[in-house]
Amino acid sequence: MYDKEPVVIDTDPGIDDFLAIAIANKCDKFDIRAIMPVAGNQSYEKVVRNTLDLVDFLGMDCPVTKGASKPLIVPQELSPEAHGE
């Protein structure tokens, strides 16, 4: 057979990322080593909370480590109208 591919997921989890992480978590091809929440179109605090909540909800056994708290090049643009509180 084959070994699982080790991966680190860099994400600003919303609905799309949640679904992708849920699928990757159940896939026998990946060994999720860590998830790193990063600033996206929501505040860093919200993406960290979302990440911790989804790891707990999915029963994942991987660390959540600090990712970038703001974009590296362009200014951050929040989209509260798309994501709500």
PDB file of N, CA and C in Angstrom:
ATOM      1  N   MET A   1       0.857  -1.180   0.000  1.00  0.00           N
ATOM      2  CA  MET A   1       0.000   0.000   0.000  1.00  0.00           C
ATOM      3  C   MET A   1       0.896   1.235   0.000  1.00  0.00           C
ATOM      4  N   TYR A   2       0.494   2.303   0.607  1.00  0.00           N
ATOM      5  CA  TYR A   2       1.267   3.528   0.642  1.00  0.00           C
ATOM      6  C   TYR A   2       1.147   4.171   2.014  1.00  0.00           C
ATOM      7  N   ASP A   3       2.120   5.009   2.330  1.00  0.00           N
ATOM      8  CA  ASP A   3       2.071   5.754   3.575  1.00  0.00           C
ATOM      9  C   ASP A   3       1.221   6.993   3.390  1.00  0.00           C
ATOM     10  N   LYS A   4       0.673   7.477   4.502  1.00  0.00           N
ATOM     11  CA  LYS A   4      -0.091   8.717   4.446  1.00  0.00           C
ATOM     12  C   LYS A   4       0.844   9.891   4.190  1.00  0.00           C
ATOM     13  N   GLU A   5       0.354  10.867   3.462  1.00  0.00           N
ATOM     14  CA  GLU A   5       1.103  12.083   3.168  1.00  0.00           C
ATOM     15  C   GLU A   5       0.970  13.042   4.350  1.00  0.00           C
ATOM     16  N   PRO A   6       2.090  13.436   4.979  1.00  0.00           N
ATOM     17  CA  PRO A   6       1.995  14.388   6.087  1.00  0.00           C
ATOM     18  C   PRO A   6       1.660  15.783   5.551  1.00  0.00           C
ATOM     19  N   VAL A   7       0.689  16.439   6.177  1.00  0.00           N
ATOM     20  CA  VAL A   7       0.287  17.770   5.742  1.00  0.00           C
ATOM     21  C   VAL A   7       0.104  18.698   6.938  1.00  0.00           C
ATOM     22  N   VAL A   8       0.371  19.971   6.697  1.00  0.00           N
ATOM     23  CA  VAL A   8       0.046  21.056   7.618  1.00  0.00           C
ATOM     24  C   VAL A   8      -0.936  21.939   6.860  1.00  0.00           C
ATOM     25  N   ILE A   9      -2.071  22.221   7.477  1.00  0.00           N
ATOM     26  CA  ILE A   9      -3.117  22.999   6.815  1.00  0.00           C
ATOM     27  C   ILE A   9      -3.054  24.442   7.292  1.00  0.00           C
ATOM     28  N   ASP A  10      -2.863  25.342   6.354  1.00  0.00           N
ATOM     29  CA  ASP A  10      -2.807  26.785   6.572  1.00  0.00           C
ATOM     30  C   ASP A  10      -4.160  27.319   6.109  1.00  0.00           C
ATOM     31  N   THR A  11      -4.967  27.906   7.012  1.00  0.00           N
ATOM     32  CA  THR A  11      -6.361  28.156   6.670  1.00  0.00           C
ATOM     33  C   THR A  11      -6.956  29.353   7.399  1.00  0.00           C
ATOM     34  N   ASP A  12      -7.978  29.933   6.813  1.00  0.00           N
ATOM     35  CA  ASP A  12      -8.845  30.905   7.513  1.00  0.00           C
ATOM     36  C   ASP A  12     -10.250  30.309   7.470  1.00  0.00           C
ATOM     37  N   PRO A  13     -10.516  29.331   8.335  1.00  0.00           N
ATOM     38  CA  PRO A  13     -11.670  28.471   8.147  1.00  0.00           C
ATOM     39  C   PRO A  13     -13.023  29.179   8.205  1.00  0.00           C
ATOM     40  N   GLY A  14     -13.699  29.064   7.075  1.00  0.00           N
ATOM     41  CA  GLY A  14     -15.104  29.392   6.951  1.00  0.00           C
ATOM     42  C   GLY A  14     -15.781  28.104   6.540  1.00  0.00           C
ATOM     43  N   ILE A  15     -16.899  28.190   5.894  1.00  0.00           N
ATOM     44  CA  ILE A  15     -17.640  26.982   5.513  1.00  0.00           C
ATOM     45  C   ILE A  15     -16.856  26.133   4.521  1.00  0.00           C
ATOM     46  N   ASP A  16     -16.261  26.770   3.499  1.00  0.00           N
ATOM     47  CA  ASP A  16     -15.527  26.002   2.484  1.00  0.00           C
ATOM     48  C   ASP A  16     -14.320  25.289   3.076  1.00  0.00           C
ATOM     49  N   ASP A  17     -13.555  25.996   3.904  1.00  0.00           N
ATOM     50  CA  ASP A  17     -12.388  25.378   4.522  1.00  0.00           C
ATOM     51  C   ASP A  17     -12.799  24.297   5.524  1.00  0.00           C
ATOM     52  N   PHE A  18     -13.892  24.535   6.246  1.00  0.00           N
ATOM     53  CA  PHE A  18     -14.389  23.514   7.175  1.00  0.00           C
ATOM     54  C   PHE A  18     -14.658  22.210   6.430  1.00  0.00           C
ATOM     55  N   LEU A  19     -15.346  22.308   5.303  1.00  0.00           N
ATOM     56  CA  LEU A  19     -15.661  21.100   4.536  1.00  0.00           C
ATOM     57  C   LEU A  19     -14.399  20.418   4.019  1.00  0.00           C
ATOM     58  N   ALA A  20     -13.449  21.208   3.533  1.00  0.00           N
ATOM     59  CA  ALA A  20     -12.198  20.634   3.029  1.00  0.00           C
ATOM     60  C   ALA A  20     -11.424  19.934   4.151  1.00  0.00           C
ATOM     61  N   ILE A  21     -11.388  20.552   5.328  1.00  0.00           N
ATOM     62  CA  ILE A  21     -10.674  19.945   6.455  1.00  0.00           C
ATOM     63  C   ILE A  21     -11.393  18.688   6.924  1.00  0.00           C
ATOM     64  N   ALA A  22     -12.720  18.710   6.963  1.00  0.00           N
ATOM     65  CA  ALA A  22     -13.492  17.531   7.365  1.00  0.00           C
ATOM     66  C   ALA A  22     -13.217  16.368   6.410  1.00  0.00           C
ATOM     67  N   ILE A  23     -13.173  16.647   5.112  1.00  0.00           N
ATOM     68  CA  ILE A  23     -12.892  15.598   4.123  1.00  0.00           C
ATOM     69  C   ILE A  23     -11.460  15.095   4.271  1.00  0.00           C
ATOM     70  N   ALA A  24     -10.500  16.008   4.414  1.00  0.00           N
ATOM     71  CA  ALA A  24      -9.098  15.608   4.579  1.00  0.00           C
ATOM     72  C   ALA A  24      -8.909  14.778   5.843  1.00  0.00           C
ATOM     73  N   ASN A  25      -9.642  15.129   6.888  1.00  0.00           N
ATOM     74  CA  ASN A  25      -9.540  14.405   8.155  1.00  0.00           C
ATOM     75  C   ASN A  25      -9.992  12.957   8.016  1.00  0.00           C
ATOM     76  N   LYS A  26     -10.965  12.696   7.169  1.00  0.00           N
ATOM     77  CA  LYS A  26     -11.474  11.335   6.975  1.00  0.00           C
ATOM     78  C   LYS A  26     -10.763  10.573   5.862  1.00  0.00           C
ATOM     79  N   CYS A  27      -9.935  11.280   5.105  1.00  0.00           N
ATOM     80  CA  CYS A  27      -9.242  10.659   3.983  1.00  0.00           C
ATOM     81  C   CYS A  27      -8.068   9.822   4.487  1.00  0.00           C
ATOM     82  N   ASP A  28      -7.942   8.611   3.987  1.00  0.00           N
ATOM     83  CA  ASP A  28      -6.848   7.747   4.435  1.00  0.00           C
ATOM     84  C   ASP A  28      -5.521   8.057   3.750  1.00  0.00           C
ATOM     85  N   LYS A  29      -5.484   9.111   2.944  1.00  0.00           N
ATOM     86  CA  LYS A  29      -4.251   9.483   2.254  1.00  0.00           C
ATOM     87  C   LYS A  29      -3.460  10.568   2.985  1.00  0.00           C
ATOM     88  N   PHE A  30      -4.073  11.216   3.994  1.00  0.00           N
ATOM     89  CA  PHE A  30      -3.424  12.345   4.656  1.00  0.00           C
ATOM     90  C   PHE A  30      -3.209  12.094   6.142  1.00  0.00           C
ATOM     91  N   ASP A  31      -2.074  12.569   6.623  1.00  0.00           N
ATOM     92  CA  ASP A  31      -1.759  12.592   8.052  1.00  0.00           C
ATOM     93  C   ASP A  31      -1.657  14.073   8.426  1.00  0.00           C
ATOM     94  N   ILE A  32      -2.729  14.626   8.967  1.00  0.00           N
ATOM     95  CA  ILE A  32      -2.752  16.054   9.298  1.00  0.00           C
ATOM     96  C   ILE A  32      -1.902  16.272  10.548  1.00  0.00           C
ATOM     97  N   ARG A  33      -0.779  16.947  10.373  1.00  0.00           N
ATOM     98  CA  ARG A  33       0.180  17.152  11.458  1.00  0.00           C
ATOM     99  C   ARG A  33      -0.138  18.380  12.291  1.00  0.00           C
ATOM    100  N   ALA A  34      -0.767  19.397  11.672  1.00  0.00           N
ATOM    101  CA  ALA A  34      -1.126  20.624  12.390  1.00  0.00           C
ATOM    102  C   ALA A  34      -2.055  21.444  11.524  1.00  0.00           C
ATOM    103  N   ILE A  35      -2.801  22.324  12.171  1.00  0.00           N
ATOM    104  CA  ILE A  35      -3.613  23.301  11.463  1.00  0.00           C
ATOM    105  C   ILE A  35      -3.188  24.674  11.947  1.00  0.00           C
ATOM    106  N   MET A  36      -2.923  25.568  10.990  1.00  0.00           N
ATOM    107  CA  MET A  36      -2.458  26.919  11.304  1.00  0.00           C
ATOM    108  C   MET A  36      -3.490  27.941  10.841  1.00  0.00           C
ATOM    109  N   PRO A  37      -4.283  28.497  11.768  1.00  0.00           N
ATOM    110  CA  PRO A  37      -5.213  29.544  11.362  1.00  0.00           C
ATOM    111  C   PRO A  37      -4.452  30.809  10.985  1.00  0.00           C
ATOM    112  N   VAL A  38      -4.894  31.449   9.916  1.00  0.00           N
ATOM    113  CA  VAL A  38      -4.266  32.690   9.448  1.00  0.00           C
ATOM    114  C   VAL A  38      -5.342  33.733   9.178  1.00  0.00           C
ATOM    115  N   ALA A  39      -4.946  34.988   9.231  1.00  0.00           N
ATOM    116  CA  ALA A  39      -5.869  36.086   8.944  1.00  0.00           C
ATOM    117  C   ALA A  39      -6.353  35.980   7.511  1.00  0.00           C
ATOM    118  N   GLY A  40      -7.642  36.124   7.348  1.00  0.00           N
ATOM    119  CA  GLY A  40      -8.231  36.100   6.014  1.00  0.00           C
ATOM    120  C   GLY A  40      -9.221  37.231   5.917  1.00  0.00           C
ATOM    121  N   ASN A  41     -10.465  36.891   5.588  1.00  0.00           N
ATOM    122  CA  ASN A  41     -11.474  37.938   5.490  1.00  0.00           C
ATOM    123  C   ASN A  41     -12.303  38.048   6.759  1.00  0.00           C
ATOM    124  N   GLN A  42     -11.780  37.511   7.850  1.00  0.00           N
ATOM    125  CA  GLN A  42     -12.320  37.720   9.185  1.00  0.00           C
ATOM    126  C   GLN A  42     -11.160  38.023  10.117  1.00  0.00           C
ATOM    127  N   SER A  43     -11.464  38.500  11.316  1.00  0.00           N
ATOM    128  CA  SER A  43     -10.399  38.833  12.265  1.00  0.00           C
ATOM    129  C   SER A  43      -9.634  37.571  12.654  1.00  0.00           C
ATOM    130  N   TYR A  44      -8.390  37.754  13.031  1.00  0.00           N
ATOM    131  CA  TYR A  44      -7.563  36.622  13.432  1.00  0.00           C
ATOM    132  C   TYR A  44      -8.178  35.888  14.616  1.00  0.00           C
ATOM    133  N   GLU A  45      -8.734  36.638  15.558  1.00  0.00           N
ATOM    134  CA  GLU A  45      -9.360  36.028  16.732  1.00  0.00           C
ATOM    135  C   GLU A  45     -10.495  35.089  16.322  1.00  0.00           C
ATOM    136  N   LYS A  46     -11.296  35.499  15.339  1.00  0.00           N
ATOM    137  CA  LYS A  46     -12.407  34.657  14.883  1.00  0.00           C
ATOM    138  C   LYS A  46     -11.919  33.413  14.159  1.00  0.00           C
ATOM    139  N   VAL A  47     -10.879  33.536  13.338  1.00  0.00           N
ATOM    140  CA  VAL A  47     -10.410  32.338  12.630  1.00  0.00           C
ATOM    141  C   VAL A  47      -9.748  31.359  13.596  1.00  0.00           C
ATOM    142  N   VAL A  48      -9.088  31.873  14.638  1.00  0.00           N
ATOM    143  CA  VAL A  48      -8.515  30.973  15.649  1.00  0.00           C
ATOM    144  C   VAL A  48      -9.645  30.244  16.373  1.00  0.00           C
ATOM    145  N   ARG A  49     -10.668  30.976  16.787  1.00  0.00           N
ATOM    146  CA  ARG A  49     -11.808  30.351  17.473  1.00  0.00           C
ATOM    147  C   ARG A  49     -12.482  29.318  16.560  1.00  0.00           C
ATOM    148  N   ASN A  50     -12.691  29.671  15.288  1.00  0.00           N
ATOM    149  CA  ASN A  50     -13.291  28.727  14.337  1.00  0.00           C
ATOM    150  C   ASN A  50     -12.442  27.466  14.203  1.00  0.00           C
ATOM    151  N   THR A  51     -11.133  27.640  14.128  1.00  0.00           N
ATOM    152  CA  THR A  51     -10.237  26.496  13.984  1.00  0.00           C
ATOM    153  C   THR A  51     -10.312  25.587  15.200  1.00  0.00           C
ATOM    154  N   LEU A  52     -10.239  26.174  16.383  1.00  0.00           N
ATOM    155  CA  LEU A  52     -10.319  25.368  17.604  1.00  0.00           C
ATOM    156  C   LEU A  52     -11.665  24.654  17.698  1.00  0.00           C
ATOM    157  N   ASP A  53     -12.741  25.355  17.334  1.00  0.00           N
ATOM    158  CA  ASP A  53     -14.072  24.739  17.364  1.00  0.00           C
ATOM    159  C   ASP A  53     -14.183  23.588  16.375  1.00  0.00           C
ATOM    160  N   LEU A  54     -13.640  23.758  15.162  1.00  0.00           N
ATOM    161  CA  LEU A  54     -13.780  22.688  14.167  1.00  0.00           C
ATOM    162  C   LEU A  54     -12.918  21.484  14.524  1.00  0.00           C
ATOM    163  N   VAL A  55     -11.732  21.708  15.076  1.00  0.00           N
ATOM    164  CA  VAL A  55     -10.885  20.590  15.511  1.00  0.00           C
ATOM    165  C   VAL A  55     -11.603  19.797  16.608  1.00  0.00           C
ATOM    166  N   ASP A  56     -12.228  20.512  17.541  1.00  0.00           N
ATOM    167  CA  ASP A  56     -12.981  19.869  18.612  1.00  0.00           C
ATOM    168  C   ASP A  56     -14.201  19.122  18.046  1.00  0.00           C
ATOM    169  N   PHE A  57     -14.963  19.776  17.179  1.00  0.00           N
ATOM    170  CA  PHE A  57     -16.169  19.186  16.596  1.00  0.00           C
ATOM    171  C   PHE A  57     -15.856  17.911  15.817  1.00  0.00           C
ATOM    172  N   LEU A  58     -14.758  17.930  15.063  1.00  0.00           N
ATOM    173  CA  LEU A  58     -14.379  16.774  14.246  1.00  0.00           C
ATOM    174  C   LEU A  58     -13.612  15.716  15.034  1.00  0.00           C
ATOM    175  N   GLY A  59     -13.270  16.019  16.294  1.00  0.00           N
ATOM    176  CA  GLY A  59     -12.521  15.063  17.103  1.00  0.00           C
ATOM    177  C   GLY A  59     -11.123  14.814  16.579  1.00  0.00           C
ATOM    178  N   MET A  60     -10.529  15.852  16.010  1.00  0.00           N
ATOM    179  CA  MET A  60      -9.198  15.702  15.423  1.00  0.00           C
ATOM    180  C   MET A  60      -8.132  15.667  16.512  1.00  0.00           C
ATOM    181  N   ASP A  61      -7.072  14.923  16.256  1.00  0.00           N
ATOM    182  CA  ASP A  61      -5.955  14.820  17.185  1.00  0.00           C
ATOM    183  C   ASP A  61      -4.731  15.443  16.529  1.00  0.00           C
ATOM    184  N   CYS A  62      -4.741  16.781  16.447  1.00  0.00           N
ATOM    185  CA  CYS A  62      -3.601  17.490  15.880  1.00  0.00           C
ATOM    186  C   CYS A  62      -3.514  18.858  16.553  1.00  0.00           C
ATOM    187  N   PRO A  63      -2.317  19.397  16.631  1.00  0.00           N
ATOM    188  CA  PRO A  63      -2.188  20.716  17.250  1.00  0.00           C
ATOM    189  C   PRO A  63      -2.703  21.824  16.348  1.00  0.00           C
ATOM    190  N   VAL A  64      -3.157  22.885  16.984  1.00  0.00           N
ATOM    191  CA  VAL A  64      -3.494  24.123  16.295  1.00  0.00           C
ATOM    192  C   VAL A  64      -2.379  25.091  16.663  1.00  0.00           C
ATOM    193  N   THR A  65      -1.636  25.541  15.656  1.00  0.00           N
ATOM    194  CA  THR A  65      -0.484  26.407  15.901  1.00  0.00           C
ATOM    195  C   THR A  65      -0.715  27.774  15.279  1.00  0.00           C
ATOM    196  N   LYS A  66       0.005  28.748  15.756  1.00  0.00           N
ATOM    197  CA  LYS A  66      -0.192  30.122  15.300  1.00  0.00           C
ATOM    198  C   LYS A  66       0.286  30.316  13.868  1.00  0.00           C
ATOM    199  N   GLY A  67      -0.616  30.857  13.061  1.00  0.00           N
ATOM    200  CA  GLY A  67      -0.279  31.254  11.703  1.00  0.00           C
ATOM    201  C   GLY A  67      -0.165  32.774  11.654  1.00  0.00           C
ATOM    202  N   ALA A  68      -0.127  33.326  10.466  1.00  0.00           N
ATOM    203  CA  ALA A  68       0.013  34.772  10.286  1.00  0.00           C
ATOM    204  C   ALA A  68      -1.233  35.497  10.788  1.00  0.00           C
ATOM    205  N   SER A  69      -1.048  36.479  11.668  1.00  0.00           N
ATOM    206  CA  SER A  69      -2.179  37.206  12.251  1.00  0.00           C
ATOM    207  C   SER A  69      -2.650  38.355  11.367  1.00  0.00           C
ATOM    208  N   LYS A  70      -1.911  38.605  10.293  1.00  0.00           N
ATOM    209  CA  LYS A  70      -2.325  39.626   9.327  1.00  0.00           C
ATOM    210  C   LYS A  70      -1.695  39.267   7.983  1.00  0.00           C
ATOM    211  N   PRO A  71      -2.251  39.777   6.891  1.00  0.00           N
ATOM    212  CA  PRO A  71      -1.650  39.490   5.589  1.00  0.00           C
ATOM    213  C   PRO A  71      -0.202  39.974   5.526  1.00  0.00           C
ATOM    214  N   LEU A  72       0.617  39.275   4.778  1.00  0.00           N
ATOM    215  CA  LEU A  72       2.032  39.615   4.695  1.00  0.00           C
ATOM    216  C   LEU A  72       2.308  40.794   3.761  1.00  0.00           C
ATOM    217  N   ILE A  73       1.450  41.007   2.752  1.00  0.00           N
ATOM    218  CA  ILE A  73       1.750  42.042   1.769  1.00  0.00           C
ATOM    219  C   ILE A  73       0.646  43.084   1.656  1.00  0.00           C
ATOM    220  N   VAL A  74      -0.572  42.677   1.418  1.00  0.00           N
ATOM    221  CA  VAL A  74      -1.674  43.626   1.203  1.00  0.00           C
ATOM    222  C   VAL A  74      -2.423  43.877   2.512  1.00  0.00           C
ATOM    223  N   PRO A  75      -3.099  45.024   2.645  1.00  0.00           N
ATOM    224  CA  PRO A  75      -3.890  45.272   3.850  1.00  0.00           C
ATOM    225  C   PRO A  75      -5.039  44.261   3.959  1.00  0.00           C
ATOM    226  N   GLN A  76      -5.374  43.914   5.179  1.00  0.00           N
ATOM    227  CA  GLN A  76      -6.472  42.972   5.403  1.00  0.00           C
ATOM    228  C   GLN A  76      -7.810  43.649   5.137  1.00  0.00           C
ATOM    229  N   GLU A  77      -8.704  42.920   4.466  1.00  0.00           N
ATOM    230  CA  GLU A  77     -10.060  43.400   4.220  1.00  0.00           C
ATOM    231  C   GLU A  77     -11.029  42.399   4.841  1.00  0.00           C
ATOM    232  N   LEU A  78     -11.745  42.850   5.873  1.00  0.00           N
ATOM    233  CA  LEU A  78     -12.708  41.989   6.552  1.00  0.00           C
ATOM    234  C   LEU A  78     -14.029  41.987   5.786  1.00  0.00           C
ATOM    235  N   SER A  79     -14.770  40.901   5.871  1.00  0.00           N
ATOM    236  CA  SER A  79     -16.056  40.757   5.194  1.00  0.00           C
ATOM    237  C   SER A  79     -17.144  40.312   6.178  1.00  0.00           C
ATOM    238  N   PRO A  80     -17.465  41.161   7.167  1.00  0.00           N
ATOM    239  CA  PRO A  80     -18.479  40.744   8.142  1.00  0.00           C
ATOM    240  C   PRO A  80     -19.851  40.535   7.525  1.00  0.00           C
ATOM    241  N   GLU A  81     -20.153  41.219   6.429  1.00  0.00           N
ATOM    242  CA  GLU A  81     -21.459  41.041   5.791  1.00  0.00           C
ATOM    243  C   GLU A  81     -21.609  39.652   5.191  1.00  0.00           C
ATOM    244  N   ALA A  82     -20.503  39.025   4.854  1.00  0.00           N
ATOM    245  CA  ALA A  82     -20.548  37.686   4.273  1.00  0.00           C
ATOM    246  C   ALA A  82     -20.528  36.603   5.345  1.00  0.00           C
ATOM    247  N   HIS A  83     -19.931  36.895   6.492  1.00  0.00           N
ATOM    248  CA  HIS A  83     -19.730  35.861   7.497  1.00  0.00           C
ATOM    249  C   HIS A  83     -20.502  36.085   8.781  1.00  0.00           C
ATOM    250  N   GLY A  84     -21.032  37.271   9.002  1.00  0.00           N
ATOM    251  CA  GLY A  84     -21.770  37.544  10.232  1.00  0.00           C
ATOM    252  C   GLY A  84     -20.862  37.622  11.438  1.00  0.00           C
ATOM    253  N   GLU A  85     -21.476  37.754  12.568  1.00  0.00           N
ATOM    254  CA  GLU A  85     -20.709  37.850  13.808  1.00  0.00           C
ATOM    255  C   GLU A  85     -20.174  36.492  14.216  1.00  0.00           C
TER     256      GLU A  85
END
